Amino acid sequence: MTNIKEIAQCAGVSVSTVSRVLNDHPYVSPDKRKSVLEAINRLNYTRNINAIHLSKGKTNLIGVIIPFNNHPYYGAIVNGITKQANAIGCHIVIFQTNYDREKEIQAFNMLQMKQLDGIIVCSRISEMKILLDYQKYGPIILCEDTAQAEFSSISIDHYAAFSCALEYVIAKGYKKIGYSLGRKKSRNSSHRTKAFNDIMSKHQLINNKGWLFEGSYHIKDGEQLFQEWNSMMDKPEAIIITNDDTAAGFILTAKKSGIRVPEDVAILGFNNDSLGEMLDITTISLPLEWIGKMAVDLFENPEEVKHVKLDYALIKRKTV
């Protein structure tokens, strides 16, 4: 493999001049720069990027852990991460895990091997103790509500947001209310479940455990959710659905079956994405792109651990 010495000999310049050209240093005469570039082309020289990264201690790569790449929630966060990363001269490496612990570990191993400068975790299945083991190798930013002292985090107050949604549904006169989640065991889901239990208890309303639906991620899951609801003898009058895509799947399937929304069942979604807007879904708007942007800001300033919470908004439309 061609090295810098050989380029210097071919170009008739010093090794330090070759180094300055390779690093785009301004203080090189046009003639010498031209000679070096011609020698590089003649010798088919390729820089060893890994060696450069090791010598500089930086890769300008940020790992991003997401469970799915075809979900509007994570897509919006990744969009924000990408924009902000590009603004600071970094690129992102996506790790789609499907909530597979081993795939998450692969990302953390790359951090340990200095192939990444840091990791932004949009959602995880790994226990906190695993993250603590890798935290010494670089900044790990969590897109979740946590008070963990070692990690900076950026999140929505999911307890407050879900409480707002439920209070609105109750204020509209609904008493038999169900809700859907993605994973019951996720941190966001646990906050939403606590909010549901607390608010239903506060209003002395029936909390029917059979009206909790799980596995709501995509529009197809909304079709399945409708079938579950429609097969029930004792149905909830309203359902708070974890995202607008699943809510859209429910509403479109209901329409095909002659079920009217909100006359026969009220639906409130989350995220306020484009599909929710098109179908006039009442929803909770979440600043997902801002989560991504601020996660990169936290990555840039790892010395100070911060726990940032962003606001949400109730968007009143036509499905409640």
C-alpha atoms as a PDB file:
ATOM      1  CA  MET A   1       0.000   0.000   0.000  1.00  0.00           C
ATOM      2  CA  THR A   2       1.310   3.440  -0.952  1.00  0.00           C
ATOM      3  CA  ASN A   3       2.440   5.610   1.952  1.00  0.00           C
ATOM      4  CA  ILE A   4       3.114   9.323   2.428  1.00  0.00           C
ATOM      5  CA  LYS A   5       6.886   8.925   1.960  1.00  0.00           C
ATOM      6  CA  GLU A   6       6.385   7.419  -1.500  1.00  0.00           C
ATOM      7  CA  ILE A   7       4.036  10.258  -2.466  1.00  0.00           C
ATOM      8  CA  ALA A   8       6.625  12.800  -1.285  1.00  0.00           C
ATOM      9  CA  GLN A   9       9.372  11.140  -3.373  1.00  0.00           C
ATOM     10  CA  CYS A  10       7.110  10.985  -6.442  1.00  0.00           C
ATOM     11  CA  ALA A  11       6.071  14.645  -6.099  1.00  0.00           C
ATOM     12  CA  GLY A  12       9.539  15.901  -5.174  1.00  0.00           C
ATOM     13  CA  VAL A  13       8.348  17.519  -1.947  1.00  0.00           C
ATOM     14  CA  SER A  14       8.729  16.932   1.776  1.00  0.00           C
ATOM     15  CA  VAL A  15       6.572  14.520   3.800  1.00  0.00           C
ATOM     16  CA  SER A  16       5.192  17.478   5.781  1.00  0.00           C
ATOM     17  CA  THR A  17       4.011  19.122   2.542  1.00  0.00           C
ATOM     18  CA  VAL A  18       2.145  15.937   1.568  1.00  0.00           C
ATOM     19  CA  SER A  19       0.557  15.867   5.027  1.00  0.00           C
ATOM     20  CA  ARG A  20      -0.580  19.488   4.682  1.00  0.00           C
ATOM     21  CA  VAL A  21      -2.164  18.765   1.293  1.00  0.00           C
ATOM     22  CA  LEU A  22      -3.951  15.664   2.626  1.00  0.00           C
ATOM     23  CA  ASN A  23      -5.342  17.689   5.533  1.00  0.00           C
ATOM     24  CA  ASP A  24      -6.343  20.578   3.229  1.00  0.00           C
ATOM     25  CA  HIS A  25      -3.957  22.989   4.964  1.00  0.00           C
ATOM     26  CA  PRO A  26      -4.065  26.460   3.366  1.00  0.00           C
ATOM     27  CA  TYR A  27      -0.313  27.175   3.514  1.00  0.00           C
ATOM     28  CA  VAL A  28       0.799  25.147   0.495  1.00  0.00           C
ATOM     29  CA  SER A  29       1.819  26.758  -2.805  1.00  0.00           C
ATOM     30  CA  PRO A  30      -0.441  25.955  -5.786  1.00  0.00           C
ATOM     31  CA  ASP A  31       2.445  24.276  -7.650  1.00  0.00           C
ATOM     32  CA  LYS A  32       3.338  21.968  -4.775  1.00  0.00           C
ATOM     33  CA  ARG A  33      -0.329  21.137  -4.134  1.00  0.00           C
ATOM     34  CA  LYS A  34      -0.735  20.248  -7.808  1.00  0.00           C
ATOM     35  CA  SER A  35       2.386  18.024  -7.749  1.00  0.00           C
ATOM     36  CA  VAL A  36       1.170  16.176  -4.652  1.00  0.00           C
ATOM     37  CA  LEU A  37      -2.321  15.602  -6.075  1.00  0.00           C
ATOM     38  CA  GLU A  38      -0.858  14.312  -9.332  1.00  0.00           C
ATOM     39  CA  ALA A  39       1.387  11.912  -7.388  1.00  0.00           C
ATOM     40  CA  ILE A  40      -1.595  10.718  -5.338  1.00  0.00           C
ATOM     41  CA  ASN A  41      -3.534   9.921  -8.522  1.00  0.00           C
ATOM     42  CA  ARG A  42      -0.527   8.275 -10.165  1.00  0.00           C
ATOM     43  CA  LEU A  43       0.102   6.015  -7.154  1.00  0.00           C
ATOM     44  CA  ASN A  44      -3.635   5.318  -6.489  1.00  0.00           C
ATOM     45  CA  TYR A  45      -3.235   6.415  -2.877  1.00  0.00           C
ATOM     46  CA  THR A  46      -6.228   5.945  -0.552  1.00  0.00           C
ATOM     47  CA  ARG A  47      -6.254   7.389   2.939  1.00  0.00           C
ATOM     48  CA  ASN A  48      -6.708   4.999   5.843  1.00  0.00           C
ATOM     49  CA  ILE A  49      -9.718   6.678   7.425  1.00  0.00           C
ATOM     50  CA  ASN A  50      -9.721   4.360  10.460  1.00  0.00           C
ATOM     51  CA  ALA A  51      -6.117   5.279  11.207  1.00  0.00           C
ATOM     52  CA  ILE A  52      -6.975   8.987  10.921  1.00  0.00           C
ATOM     53  CA  HIS A  53      -9.902   8.562  13.287  1.00  0.00           C
ATOM     54  CA  LEU A  54      -7.714   6.745  15.803  1.00  0.00           C
ATOM     55  CA  SER A  55      -5.025   9.418  15.634  1.00  0.00           C
ATOM     56  CA  LYS A  56      -7.531  12.262  16.047  1.00  0.00           C
ATOM     57  CA  GLY A  57      -9.696  10.437  18.576  1.00  0.00           C
ATOM     58  CA  LYS A  58     -12.860  11.322  16.624  1.00  0.00           C
ATOM     59  CA  THR A  59     -14.932   9.629  13.943  1.00  0.00           C
ATOM     60  CA  ASN A  60     -17.623  12.308  13.478  1.00  0.00           C
ATOM     61  CA  LEU A  61     -20.113   9.426  13.580  1.00  0.00           C
ATOM     62  CA  ILE A  62     -23.091   9.262  15.937  1.00  0.00           C
ATOM     63  CA  GLY A  63     -24.848   5.931  16.437  1.00  0.00           C
ATOM     64  CA  VAL A  64     -28.653   6.069  16.599  1.00  0.00           C
ATOM     65  CA  ILE A  65     -30.553   3.127  18.093  1.00  0.00           C
ATOM     66  CA  ILE A  66     -34.158   2.765  16.900  1.00  0.00           C
ATOM     67  CA  PRO A  67     -36.478  -0.261  17.055  1.00  0.00           C
ATOM     68  CA  PHE A  68     -38.073   0.339  13.627  1.00  0.00           C
ATOM     69  CA  ASN A  69     -37.160   2.442  10.607  1.00  0.00           C
ATOM     70  CA  ASN A  70     -40.690   2.560   9.151  1.00  0.00           C
ATOM     71  CA  HIS A  71     -42.438   4.228  12.076  1.00  0.00           C
ATOM     72  CA  PRO A  72     -43.377   7.948  11.931  1.00  0.00           C
ATOM     73  CA  TYR A  73     -42.471   8.490  15.608  1.00  0.00           C
ATOM     74  CA  TYR A  74     -38.873   7.348  15.178  1.00  0.00           C
ATOM     75  CA  GLY A  75     -38.652   8.712  11.645  1.00  0.00           C
ATOM     76  CA  ALA A  76     -39.348  12.224  12.916  1.00  0.00           C
ATOM     77  CA  ILE A  77     -36.770  11.919  15.707  1.00  0.00           C
ATOM     78  CA  VAL A  78     -34.135  10.592  13.282  1.00  0.00           C
ATOM     79  CA  ASN A  79     -34.920  13.453  10.900  1.00  0.00           C
ATOM     80  CA  GLY A  80     -34.150  15.921  13.680  1.00  0.00           C
ATOM     81  CA  ILE A  81     -30.961  14.065  14.626  1.00  0.00           C
ATOM     82  CA  THR A  82     -29.768  14.018  11.009  1.00  0.00           C
ATOM     83  CA  LYS A  83     -30.337  17.746  10.460  1.00  0.00           C
ATOM     84  CA  GLN A  84     -28.519  18.745  13.630  1.00  0.00           C
ATOM     85  CA  ALA A  85     -25.708  16.212  13.140  1.00  0.00           C
ATOM     86  CA  ASN A  86     -25.071  17.532   9.629  1.00  0.00           C
ATOM     87  CA  ALA A  87     -25.011  21.069  10.994  1.00  0.00           C
ATOM     88  CA  ILE A  88     -22.081  20.164  13.274  1.00  0.00           C
ATOM     89  CA  GLY A  89     -20.240  18.132  10.639  1.00  0.00           C
ATOM     90  CA  CYS A  90     -21.265  14.679  11.842  1.00  0.00           C
ATOM     91  CA  HIS A  91     -22.952  11.732  10.179  1.00  0.00           C
ATOM     92  CA  ILE A  92     -25.254   9.157  11.743  1.00  0.00           C
ATOM     93  CA  VAL A  93     -25.168   5.371  11.761  1.00  0.00           C
ATOM     94  CA  ILE A  94     -28.613   3.794  12.204  1.00  0.00           C
ATOM     95  CA  PHE A  95     -28.987   0.611  14.243  1.00  0.00           C
ATOM     96  CA  GLN A  96     -32.456  -0.853  13.663  1.00  0.00           C
ATOM     97  CA  THR A  97     -32.847  -3.358  16.488  1.00  0.00           C
ATOM     98  CA  ASN A  98     -36.480  -4.571  16.432  1.00  0.00           C
ATOM     99  CA  TYR A  99     -35.997  -4.608  20.215  1.00  0.00           C
ATOM    100  CA  ASP A 100     -33.290  -7.275  19.910  1.00  0.00           C
ATOM    101  CA  ARG A 101     -30.874  -6.867  22.827  1.00  0.00           C
ATOM    102  CA  GLU A 102     -27.932  -8.322  20.886  1.00  0.00           C
ATOM    103  CA  LYS A 103     -28.340  -5.735  18.127  1.00  0.00           C
ATOM    104  CA  GLU A 104     -28.260  -2.970  20.712  1.00  0.00           C
ATOM    105  CA  ILE A 105     -25.065  -4.454  22.181  1.00  0.00           C
ATOM    106  CA  GLN A 106     -23.466  -4.358  18.708  1.00  0.00           C
ATOM    107  CA  ALA A 107     -23.916  -0.582  18.680  1.00  0.00           C
ATOM    108  CA  PHE A 108     -22.415  -0.207  22.154  1.00  0.00           C
ATOM    109  CA  ASN A 109     -19.477  -2.415  21.152  1.00  0.00           C
ATOM    110  CA  MET A 110     -18.757  -0.045  18.255  1.00  0.00           C
ATOM    111  CA  LEU A 111     -18.682   2.814  20.771  1.00  0.00           C
ATOM    112  CA  GLN A 112     -16.222   0.842  22.891  1.00  0.00           C
ATOM    113  CA  MET A 113     -14.020   0.215  19.831  1.00  0.00           C
ATOM    114  CA  LYS A 114     -13.967   3.974  19.062  1.00  0.00           C
ATOM    115  CA  GLN A 115     -15.878   3.481  15.805  1.00  0.00           C
ATOM    116  CA  LEU A 116     -18.520   5.939  17.052  1.00  0.00           C
ATOM    117  CA  ASP A 117     -18.191   9.176  19.006  1.00  0.00           C
ATOM    118  CA  GLY A 118     -21.433   8.600  20.893  1.00  0.00           C
ATOM    119  CA  ILE A 119     -24.880   7.008  20.757  1.00  0.00           C
ATOM    120  CA  ILE A 120     -28.409   8.412  20.849  1.00  0.00           C
ATOM    121  CA  VAL A 121     -30.887   5.811  22.105  1.00  0.00           C
ATOM    122  CA  CYS A 122     -34.395   6.495  20.777  1.00  0.00           C
ATOM    123  CA  SER A 123     -35.862   3.385  22.419  1.00  0.00           C
ATOM    124  CA  ARG A 124     -34.264   0.357  24.042  1.00  0.00           C
ATOM    125  CA  ILE A 125     -34.761  -3.050  25.547  1.00  0.00           C
ATOM    126  CA  SER A 126     -31.359  -3.252  27.283  1.00  0.00           C
ATOM    127  CA  GLU A 127     -31.319  -2.740  31.037  1.00  0.00           C
ATOM    128  CA  MET A 128     -29.801   0.444  32.446  1.00  0.00           C
ATOM    129  CA  LYS A 129     -26.874  -1.512  33.936  1.00  0.00           C
ATOM    130  CA  ILE A 130     -25.761  -2.443  30.393  1.00  0.00           C
ATOM    131  CA  LEU A 131     -25.734   1.213  29.357  1.00  0.00           C
ATOM    132  CA  LEU A 132     -23.755   2.072  32.492  1.00  0.00           C
ATOM    133  CA  ASP A 133     -21.077  -0.445  31.463  1.00  0.00           C
ATOM    134  CA  TYR A 134     -20.545   1.409  28.164  1.00  0.00           C
ATOM    135  CA  GLN A 135     -21.020   4.976  29.346  1.00  0.00           C
ATOM    136  CA  LYS A 136     -17.271   5.423  29.979  1.00  0.00           C
ATOM    137  CA  TYR A 137     -16.520   4.976  26.255  1.00  0.00           C
ATOM    138  CA  GLY A 138     -18.485   8.003  25.060  1.00  0.00           C
ATOM    139  CA  PRO A 139     -21.692   9.998  25.541  1.00  0.00           C
ATOM    140  CA  ILE A 140     -24.937   8.006  25.507  1.00  0.00           C
ATOM    141  CA  ILE A 141     -28.015  10.218  25.159  1.00  0.00           C
ATOM    142  CA  LEU A 142     -31.440   8.806  26.047  1.00  0.00           C
ATOM    143  CA  CYS A 143     -34.664   9.885  24.353  1.00  0.00           C
ATOM    144  CA  GLU A 144     -36.725   8.874  27.367  1.00  0.00           C
ATOM    145  CA  ASP A 145     -37.848  10.272  30.690  1.00  0.00           C
ATOM    146  CA  THR A 146     -35.165   9.262  33.165  1.00  0.00           C
ATOM    147  CA  ALA A 147     -33.553  10.728  36.254  1.00  0.00           C
ATOM    148  CA  GLN A 148     -30.459   8.529  35.815  1.00  0.00           C
ATOM    149  CA  ALA A 149     -27.580  10.737  36.967  1.00  0.00           C
ATOM    150  CA  GLU A 150     -25.045   9.369  34.480  1.00  0.00           C
ATOM    151  CA  PHE A 151     -26.984  10.088  31.270  1.00  0.00           C
ATOM    152  CA  SER A 152     -28.379  13.202  29.662  1.00  0.00           C
ATOM    153  CA  SER A 153     -31.918  12.746  28.369  1.00  0.00           C
ATOM    154  CA  ILE A 154     -34.500  14.481  26.222  1.00  0.00           C
ATOM    155  CA  SER A 155     -38.149  13.510  26.470  1.00  0.00           C
ATOM    156  CA  ILE A 156     -41.818  14.381  26.598  1.00  0.00           C
ATOM    157  CA  ASP A 157     -43.685  14.227  29.899  1.00  0.00           C
ATOM    158  CA  HIS A 158     -45.746  11.227  28.799  1.00  0.00           C
ATOM    159  CA  TYR A 159     -47.610  11.107  32.109  1.00  0.00           C
ATOM    160  CA  ALA A 160     -48.818  14.698  31.677  1.00  0.00           C
ATOM    161  CA  ALA A 161     -49.512  14.288  27.945  1.00  0.00           C
ATOM    162  CA  PHE A 162     -51.599  11.157  28.453  1.00  0.00           C
ATOM    163  CA  SER A 163     -53.402  12.759  31.406  1.00  0.00           C
ATOM    164  CA  CYS A 164     -54.295  15.710  29.162  1.00  0.00           C
ATOM    165  CA  ALA A 165     -55.657  13.340  26.501  1.00  0.00           C
ATOM    166  CA  LEU A 166     -57.717  11.337  28.983  1.00  0.00           C
ATOM    167  CA  GLU A 167     -59.114  14.406  30.764  1.00  0.00           C
ATOM    168  CA  TYR A 168     -60.267  15.741  27.378  1.00  0.00           C
ATOM    169  CA  VAL A 169     -62.014  12.466  26.484  1.00  0.00           C
ATOM    170  CA  ILE A 170     -63.729  12.394  29.889  1.00  0.00           C
ATOM    171  CA  ALA A 171     -64.758  16.061  29.539  1.00  0.00           C
ATOM    172  CA  LYS A 172     -66.456  15.147  26.244  1.00  0.00           C
ATOM    173  CA  GLY A 173     -68.729  12.796  28.205  1.00  0.00           C
ATOM    174  CA  TYR A 174     -67.096   9.387  27.667  1.00  0.00           C
ATOM    175  CA  LYS A 175     -66.945   7.027  30.634  1.00  0.00           C
ATOM    176  CA  LYS A 176     -66.020   3.629  29.138  1.00  0.00           C
ATOM    177  CA  ILE A 177     -62.498   4.291  27.914  1.00  0.00           C
ATOM    178  CA  GLY A 178     -59.737   2.009  26.651  1.00  0.00           C
ATOM    179  CA  TYR A 179     -56.206   2.692  25.470  1.00  0.00           C
ATOM    180  CA  SER A 180     -53.509   1.088  23.354  1.00  0.00           C
ATOM    181  CA  LEU A 181     -49.736   0.879  23.773  1.00  0.00           C
ATOM    182  CA  GLY A 182     -46.754  -0.322  21.789  1.00  0.00           C
ATOM    183  CA  ARG A 183     -44.882  -2.308  24.456  1.00  0.00           C
ATOM    184  CA  LYS A 184     -46.276  -2.485  27.978  1.00  0.00           C
ATOM    185  CA  LYS A 185     -42.756  -2.671  29.424  1.00  0.00           C
ATOM    186  CA  SER A 186     -41.366   0.478  27.810  1.00  0.00           C
ATOM    187  CA  ARG A 187     -40.706   3.485  30.015  1.00  0.00           C
ATOM    188  CA  ASN A 188     -43.077   5.724  28.049  1.00  0.00           C
ATOM    189  CA  SER A 189     -45.835   3.095  28.266  1.00  0.00           C
ATOM    190  CA  SER A 190     -45.391   2.787  32.021  1.00  0.00           C
ATOM    191  CA  HIS A 191     -45.926   6.549  32.402  1.00  0.00           C
ATOM    192  CA  ARG A 192     -49.047   6.408  30.223  1.00  0.00           C
ATOM    193  CA  THR A 193     -50.433   3.443  32.149  1.00  0.00           C
ATOM    194  CA  LYS A 194     -49.896   5.218  35.467  1.00  0.00           C
ATOM    195  CA  ALA A 195     -51.643   8.314  34.105  1.00  0.00           C
ATOM    196  CA  PHE A 196     -54.593   6.210  32.922  1.00  0.00           C
ATOM    197  CA  ASN A 197     -54.940   4.469  36.286  1.00  0.00           C
ATOM    198  CA  ASP A 198     -54.640   7.716  38.260  1.00  0.00           C
ATOM    199  CA  ILE A 199     -57.111   9.727  36.166  1.00  0.00           C
ATOM    200  CA  MET A 200     -59.705   6.945  35.960  1.00  0.00           C
ATOM    201  CA  SER A 201     -59.483   6.546  39.739  1.00  0.00           C
ATOM    202  CA  LYS A 202     -59.768  10.303  40.246  1.00  0.00           C
ATOM    203  CA  HIS A 203     -63.027  10.370  38.251  1.00  0.00           C
ATOM    204  CA  GLN A 204     -64.226   7.076  39.781  1.00  0.00           C
ATOM    205  CA  LEU A 205     -64.586   5.472  36.348  1.00  0.00           C
ATOM    206  CA  ILE A 206     -64.359   1.766  35.541  1.00  0.00           C
ATOM    207  CA  ASN A 207     -60.802   0.705  34.707  1.00  0.00           C
ATOM    208  CA  ASN A 208     -61.417  -2.412  32.630  1.00  0.00           C
ATOM    209  CA  LYS A 209     -58.084  -4.244  32.099  1.00  0.00           C
ATOM    210  CA  GLY A 210     -59.621  -5.912  29.044  1.00  0.00           C
ATOM    211  CA  TRP A 211     -59.680  -2.515  27.350  1.00  0.00           C
ATOM    212  CA  LEU A 212     -55.884  -2.241  27.344  1.00  0.00           C
ATOM    213  CA  PHE A 213     -54.548  -3.149  23.892  1.00  0.00           C
ATOM    214  CA  GLU A 214     -50.886  -3.862  23.125  1.00  0.00           C
ATOM    215  CA  GLY A 215     -48.753  -4.047  19.973  1.00  0.00           C
ATOM    216  CA  SER A 216     -49.894  -0.782  18.372  1.00  0.00           C
ATOM    217  CA  TYR A 217     -47.137   0.424  16.050  1.00  0.00           C
ATOM    218  CA  HIS A 218     -48.295   0.632  12.431  1.00  0.00           C
ATOM    219  CA  ILE A 219     -51.449   1.235  10.380  1.00  0.00           C
ATOM    220  CA  LYS A 220     -51.994  -2.535  10.040  1.00  0.00           C
ATOM    221  CA  ASP A 221     -52.068  -2.813  13.823  1.00  0.00           C
ATOM    222  CA  GLY A 222     -55.003  -0.398  13.741  1.00  0.00           C
ATOM    223  CA  GLU A 223     -56.938  -2.862  11.583  1.00  0.00           C
ATOM    224  CA  GLN A 224     -56.245  -5.595  14.137  1.00  0.00           C
ATOM    225  CA  LEU A 225     -57.185  -3.274  16.990  1.00  0.00           C
ATOM    226  CA  PHE A 226     -60.529  -2.548  15.339  1.00  0.00           C
ATOM    227  CA  GLN A 227     -61.225  -6.278  14.926  1.00  0.00           C
ATOM    228  CA  GLU A 228     -60.461  -6.840  18.627  1.00  0.00           C
ATOM    229  CA  TRP A 229     -62.712  -3.960  19.651  1.00  0.00           C
ATOM    230  CA  ASN A 230     -65.524  -4.989  17.296  1.00  0.00           C
ATOM    231  CA  SER A 231     -65.545  -8.563  18.622  1.00  0.00           C
ATOM    232  CA  MET A 232     -66.103  -7.443  22.231  1.00  0.00           C
ATOM    233  CA  MET A 233     -69.489  -7.826  23.860  1.00  0.00           C
ATOM    234  CA  ASP A 234     -68.698  -4.966  26.242  1.00  0.00           C
ATOM    235  CA  LYS A 235     -66.886  -2.323  24.195  1.00  0.00           C
ATOM    236  CA  PRO A 236     -65.169   0.892  25.302  1.00  0.00           C
ATOM    237  CA  GLU A 237     -66.868   4.032  23.948  1.00  0.00           C
ATOM    238  CA  ALA A 238     -63.524   5.730  23.360  1.00  0.00           C
ATOM    239  CA  ILE A 239     -59.942   4.574  22.800  1.00  0.00           C
ATOM    240  CA  ILE A 240     -56.759   6.579  23.255  1.00  0.00           C
ATOM    241  CA  ILE A 241     -54.348   5.103  20.709  1.00  0.00           C
ATOM    242  CA  THR A 242     -50.586   5.361  21.105  1.00  0.00           C
ATOM    243  CA  ASN A 243     -49.910   6.855  17.648  1.00  0.00           C
ATOM    244  CA  ASP A 244     -51.788   8.391  14.723  1.00  0.00           C
ATOM    245  CA  ASP A 245     -50.822   5.620  12.286  1.00  0.00           C
ATOM    246  CA  THR A 246     -52.553   2.944  14.363  1.00  0.00           C
ATOM    247  CA  ALA A 247     -55.464   5.326  14.962  1.00  0.00           C
ATOM    248  CA  ALA A 248     -55.753   5.813  11.185  1.00  0.00           C
ATOM    249  CA  GLY A 249     -55.801   2.047  10.623  1.00  0.00           C
ATOM    250  CA  PHE A 250     -58.616   1.723  13.173  1.00  0.00           C
ATOM    251  CA  ILE A 251     -60.669   4.570  11.685  1.00  0.00           C
ATOM    252  CA  LEU A 252     -60.329   3.410   8.064  1.00  0.00           C
ATOM    253  CA  THR A 253     -61.270  -0.178   8.976  1.00  0.00           C
ATOM    254  CA  ALA A 254     -64.204   1.074  11.049  1.00  0.00           C
ATOM    255  CA  LYS A 255     -65.474   3.089   8.089  1.00  0.00           C
ATOM    256  CA  LYS A 256     -65.401  -0.002   5.851  1.00  0.00           C
ATOM    257  CA  SER A 257     -67.448  -1.841   8.482  1.00  0.00           C
ATOM    258  CA  GLY A 258     -70.050   0.898   8.807  1.00  0.00           C
ATOM    259  CA  ILE A 259     -68.827   2.033  12.229  1.00  0.00           C
ATOM    260  CA  ARG A 260     -68.852   5.814  12.664  1.00  0.00           C
ATOM    261  CA  VAL A 261     -66.143   7.797  14.425  1.00  0.00           C
ATOM    262  CA  PRO A 262     -66.819   9.495  16.824  1.00  0.00           C
ATOM    263  CA  GLU A 263     -70.549   8.635  16.924  1.00  0.00           C
ATOM    264  CA  ASP A 264     -70.007   4.908  17.605  1.00  0.00           C
ATOM    265  CA  VAL A 265     -66.504   5.066  19.073  1.00  0.00           C
ATOM    266  CA  ALA A 266     -64.243   8.044  19.751  1.00  0.00           C
ATOM    267  CA  ILE A 267     -60.547   7.898  18.860  1.00  0.00           C
ATOM    268  CA  LEU A 268     -57.703  10.077  20.122  1.00  0.00           C
ATOM    269  CA  GLY A 269     -54.188   9.565  18.753  1.00  0.00           C
ATOM    270  CA  PHE A 270     -50.647  10.696  19.504  1.00  0.00           C
ATOM    271  CA  ASN A 271     -47.836  12.391  17.513  1.00  0.00           C
ATOM    272  CA  ASN A 272     -49.841  14.686  15.155  1.00  0.00           C
ATOM    273  CA  ASP A 273     -48.264  13.258  12.011  1.00  0.00           C
ATOM    274  CA  SER A 274     -49.358  13.915   8.408  1.00  0.00           C
ATOM    275  CA  LEU A 275     -51.762  10.949   8.292  1.00  0.00           C
ATOM    276  CA  GLY A 276     -53.488  12.148  11.443  1.00  0.00           C
ATOM    277  CA  GLU A 277     -53.838  15.598   9.933  1.00  0.00           C
ATOM    278  CA  MET A 278     -55.309  14.224   6.686  1.00  0.00           C
ATOM    279  CA  LEU A 279     -57.915  12.158   8.560  1.00  0.00           C
ATOM    280  CA  ASP A 280     -58.742  14.944  11.046  1.00  0.00           C
ATOM    281  CA  ILE A 281     -57.723  12.789  14.020  1.00  0.00           C
ATOM    282  CA  THR A 282     -57.897  14.445  17.426  1.00  0.00           C
ATOM    283  CA  THR A 283     -54.392  13.955  18.787  1.00  0.00           C
ATOM    284  CA  ILE A 284     -51.611  14.984  21.118  1.00  0.00           C
ATOM    285  CA  SER A 285     -48.907  16.802  19.167  1.00  0.00           C
ATOM    286  CA  LEU A 286     -45.361  15.834  20.178  1.00  0.00           C
ATOM    287  CA  PRO A 287     -42.262  17.821  19.053  1.00  0.00           C
ATOM    288  CA  LEU A 288     -40.465  14.713  17.802  1.00  0.00           C
ATOM    289  CA  GLU A 289     -38.048  16.449  15.442  1.00  0.00           C
ATOM    290  CA  TRP A 290     -37.000  18.735  18.280  1.00  0.00           C
ATOM    291  CA  ILE A 291     -36.243  15.686  20.413  1.00  0.00           C
ATOM    292  CA  GLY A 292     -33.759  14.610  17.747  1.00  0.00           C
ATOM    293  CA  LYS A 293     -32.180  18.049  17.407  1.00  0.00           C
ATOM    294  CA  MET A 294     -31.782  18.519  21.145  1.00  0.00           C
ATOM    295  CA  ALA A 295     -30.372  15.001  21.558  1.00  0.00           C
ATOM    296  CA  VAL A 296     -27.487  16.075  19.299  1.00  0.00           C
ATOM    297  CA  ASP A 297     -27.047  19.264  21.356  1.00  0.00           C
ATOM    298  CA  LEU A 298     -26.736  17.106  24.484  1.00  0.00           C
ATOM    299  CA  PHE A 299     -24.246  14.858  22.666  1.00  0.00           C
ATOM    300  CA  GLU A 300     -22.138  17.937  21.854  1.00  0.00           C
ATOM    301  CA  ASN A 301     -21.971  18.931  25.525  1.00  0.00           C
ATOM    302  CA  PRO A 302     -21.402  15.692  27.451  1.00  0.00           C
ATOM    303  CA  GLU A 303     -19.655  17.351  30.411  1.00  0.00           C
ATOM    304  CA  GLU A 304     -22.952  18.514  31.925  1.00  0.00           C
ATOM    305  CA  VAL A 305     -25.709  15.945  32.460  1.00  0.00           C
ATOM    306  CA  LYS A 306     -29.114  17.455  31.659  1.00  0.00           C
ATOM    307  CA  HIS A 307     -32.660  16.103  31.694  1.00  0.00           C
ATOM    308  CA  VAL A 308     -34.719  18.132  29.236  1.00  0.00           C
ATOM    309  CA  LYS A 309     -38.490  17.834  28.843  1.00  0.00           C
ATOM    310  CA  LEU A 310     -40.332  19.271  25.856  1.00  0.00           C
ATOM    311  CA  ASP A 311     -43.944  20.404  25.789  1.00  0.00           C
ATOM    312  CA  TYR A 312     -46.923  18.816  24.028  1.00  0.00           C
ATOM    313  CA  ALA A 313     -50.234  20.167  22.724  1.00  0.00           C
ATOM    314  CA  LEU A 314     -53.784  18.845  22.418  1.00  0.00           C
ATOM    315  CA  ILE A 315     -54.997  19.166  18.809  1.00  0.00           C
ATOM    316  CA  LYS A 316     -58.814  19.134  18.759  1.00  0.00           C
ATOM    317  CA  ARG A 317     -60.226  17.761  15.512  1.00  0.00           C
ATOM    318  CA  LYS A 318     -63.153  15.505  14.601  1.00  0.00           C
ATOM    319  CA  THR A 319     -62.653  12.026  16.104  1.00  0.00           C
ATOM    320  CA  VAL A 320     -63.648  12.733  19.727  1.00  0.00           C
END
